[in-house]
C-alpha atoms as a PDB file:
ATOM      1  CA  MET A   1     -87.677  32.152  16.315  1.00  0.00           C
ATOM      2  CA  THR A   2     -89.604  28.948  15.754  1.00  0.00           C
ATOM      3  CA  ARG A   3     -88.529  29.122  12.102  1.00  0.00           C
ATOM      4  CA  ALA A   4     -84.968  28.543  13.343  1.00  0.00           C
ATOM      5  CA  LEU A   5     -85.908  25.131  14.805  1.00  0.00           C
ATOM      6  CA  VAL A   6     -84.327  22.411  12.670  1.00  0.00           C
ATOM      7  CA  ALA A   7     -85.848  19.265  14.183  1.00  0.00           C
ATOM      8  CA  ASP A   8     -88.810  18.062  16.201  1.00  0.00           C
ATOM      9  CA  PRO A   9     -88.078  18.620  19.923  1.00  0.00           C
ATOM     10  CA  ALA A  10     -90.403  15.734  20.850  1.00  0.00           C
ATOM     11  CA  VAL A  11     -88.217  13.349  18.823  1.00  0.00           C
ATOM     12  CA  LEU A  12     -84.799  14.720  19.830  1.00  0.00           C
ATOM     13  CA  GLY A  13     -85.574  15.667  23.419  1.00  0.00           C
ATOM     14  CA  VAL A  14     -83.934  19.037  22.779  1.00  0.00           C
ATOM     15  CA  ALA A  15     -84.870  22.188  20.909  1.00  0.00           C
ATOM     16  CA  ARG A  16     -82.248  22.308  18.151  1.00  0.00           C
ATOM     17  CA  ILE A  17     -81.887  25.846  16.828  1.00  0.00           C
ATOM     18  CA  ASN A  18     -79.874  26.953  13.818  1.00  0.00           C
ATOM     19  CA  TRP A  19     -78.489  30.237  15.127  1.00  0.00           C
ATOM     20  CA  ARG A  20     -76.525  30.725  11.884  1.00  0.00           C
ATOM     21  CA  SER A  21     -79.388  30.409   9.401  1.00  0.00           C
ATOM     22  CA  ALA A  22     -78.656  31.773   5.932  1.00  0.00           C
ATOM     23  CA  ASP A  23     -82.267  33.032   5.790  1.00  0.00           C
ATOM     24  CA  GLN A  24     -82.001  36.767   6.512  1.00  0.00           C
ATOM     25  CA  SER A  25     -85.559  36.968   7.860  1.00  0.00           C
ATOM     26  CA  VAL A  26     -84.775  34.220  10.401  1.00  0.00           C
ATOM     27  CA  PHE A  27     -81.618  36.047  11.473  1.00  0.00           C
ATOM     28  CA  ASP A  28     -83.554  39.333  11.740  1.00  0.00           C
ATOM     29  CA  GLY A  29     -86.171  37.675  13.969  1.00  0.00           C
ATOM     30  CA  ILE A  30     -83.544  36.113  16.226  1.00  0.00           C
ATOM     31  CA  ARG A  31     -81.622  39.391  16.455  1.00  0.00           C
ATOM     32  CA  GLN A  32     -84.765  41.350  17.321  1.00  0.00           C
ATOM     33  CA  CYS A  33     -85.737  38.807  19.982  1.00  0.00           C
ATOM     34  CA  LEU A  34     -82.326  38.408  21.650  1.00  0.00           C
ATOM     35  CA  ALA A  35     -80.250  41.448  20.689  1.00  0.00           C
ATOM     36  CA  GLY A  36     -82.570  44.083  19.241  1.00  0.00           C
ATOM     37  CA  ASP A  37     -80.220  46.998  19.769  1.00  0.00           C
ATOM     38  CA  PHE A  38     -77.100  45.192  18.453  1.00  0.00           C
ATOM     39  CA  THR A  39     -75.615  45.671  15.004  1.00  0.00           C
ATOM     40  CA  ASP A  40     -75.798  42.618  12.731  1.00  0.00           C
ATOM     41  CA  GLU A  41     -72.102  41.964  13.294  1.00  0.00           C
ATOM     42  CA  ALA A  42     -72.412  42.188  17.088  1.00  0.00           C
ATOM     43  CA  ALA A  43     -75.506  39.968  17.052  1.00  0.00           C
ATOM     44  CA  ARG A  44     -73.660  37.323  14.991  1.00  0.00           C
ATOM     45  CA  ARG A  45     -70.785  37.369  17.500  1.00  0.00           C
ATOM     46  CA  GLN A  46     -73.302  36.900  20.306  1.00  0.00           C
ATOM     47  CA  LEU A  47     -75.027  34.025  18.486  1.00  0.00           C
ATOM     48  CA  ASN A  48     -71.678  32.288  17.996  1.00  0.00           C
ATOM     49  CA  MET A  49     -71.541  31.768  21.769  1.00  0.00           C
ATOM     50  CA  LEU A  50     -74.891  29.928  21.942  1.00  0.00           C
ATOM     51  CA  GLU A  51     -75.338  26.160  21.872  1.00  0.00           C
ATOM     52  CA  PRO A  52     -77.682  24.737  19.223  1.00  0.00           C
ATOM     53  CA  ASP A  53     -79.395  22.323  21.646  1.00  0.00           C
ATOM     54  CA  GLU A  54     -81.541  23.431  24.582  1.00  0.00           C
ATOM     55  CA  PRO A  55     -83.604  21.139  26.844  1.00  0.00           C
ATOM     56  CA  ALA A  56     -87.061  20.628  25.357  1.00  0.00           C
ATOM     57  CA  SER A  57     -88.787  20.298  28.721  1.00  0.00           C
ATOM     58  CA  ILE A  58     -88.836  22.002  32.067  1.00  0.00           C
ATOM     59  CA  PRO A  59     -87.235  19.891  34.809  1.00  0.00           C
ATOM     60  CA  LEU A  60     -89.856  18.571  37.217  1.00  0.00           C
ATOM     61  CA  ALA A  61     -87.559  18.248  40.232  1.00  0.00           C
ATOM     62  CA  ASP A  62     -87.686  20.880  42.955  1.00  0.00           C
ATOM     63  CA  ALA A  63     -84.964  23.383  42.071  1.00  0.00           C
ATOM     64  CA  ARG A  64     -85.402  26.013  44.774  1.00  0.00           C
ATOM     65  CA  GLY A  65     -82.304  27.437  46.387  1.00  0.00           C
ATOM     66  CA  ASP A  66     -81.680  26.774  50.066  1.00  0.00           C
ATOM     67  CA  ALA A  67     -79.822  29.410  52.087  1.00  0.00           C
ATOM     68  CA  ASP A  68     -77.864  26.712  53.961  1.00  0.00           C
ATOM     69  CA  THR A  69     -76.550  25.069  50.791  1.00  0.00           C
ATOM     70  CA  TRP A  70     -76.537  27.906  48.260  1.00  0.00           C
ATOM     71  CA  GLY A  71     -72.984  28.994  48.943  1.00  0.00           C
ATOM     72  CA  ARG A  72     -71.064  31.540  50.923  1.00  0.00           C
ATOM     73  CA  ILE A  73     -70.765  34.288  48.312  1.00  0.00           C
ATOM     74  CA  PRO A  74     -73.367  37.029  48.834  1.00  0.00           C
ATOM     75  CA  ARG A  75     -75.350  37.770  45.689  1.00  0.00           C
ATOM     76  CA  THR A  76     -77.054  40.935  44.566  1.00  0.00           C
ATOM     77  CA  TYR A  77     -79.499  41.109  41.692  1.00  0.00           C
ATOM     78  CA  SER A  78     -80.689  44.208  39.917  1.00  0.00           C
ATOM     79  CA  THR A  79     -83.200  44.948  37.179  1.00  0.00           C
ATOM     80  CA  ASP A  80     -82.772  47.564  34.475  1.00  0.00           C
ATOM     81  CA  LEU A  81     -86.266  49.051  34.207  1.00  0.00           C
ATOM     82  CA  ASN A  82     -85.373  50.551  30.826  1.00  0.00           C
ATOM     83  CA  CYS A  83     -84.507  47.168  29.307  1.00  0.00           C
ATOM     84  CA  TRP A  84     -87.311  45.826  27.093  1.00  0.00           C
ATOM     85  CA  ARG A  85     -86.146  42.242  27.757  1.00  0.00           C
ATOM     86  CA  SER A  86     -87.140  42.497  31.432  1.00  0.00           C
ATOM     87  CA  SER A  87     -90.262  44.589  30.924  1.00  0.00           C
ATOM     88  CA  PRO A  88     -93.401  43.202  32.589  1.00  0.00           C
ATOM     89  CA  ASN A  89     -95.390  44.241  29.484  1.00  0.00           C
END
């Protein structure tokens, strides 16, 4: 995916990614990384929803949730153990 970067993140302050690269090998790499089991058409539709700029650094502020301020809607999280994207390996 680094081949999809179109500028220096240190200069811009964001990682600018060309999700719609005309280079088929770049598209294939992005599809395999983010949507490996999608058809090319479905992967392109998915990529159309992504923003080209992502923060280039990890925020340093404490970002932990606090039960008293998190909200009143109960949340449940689940993990699909068959999904390669969430595999610990």
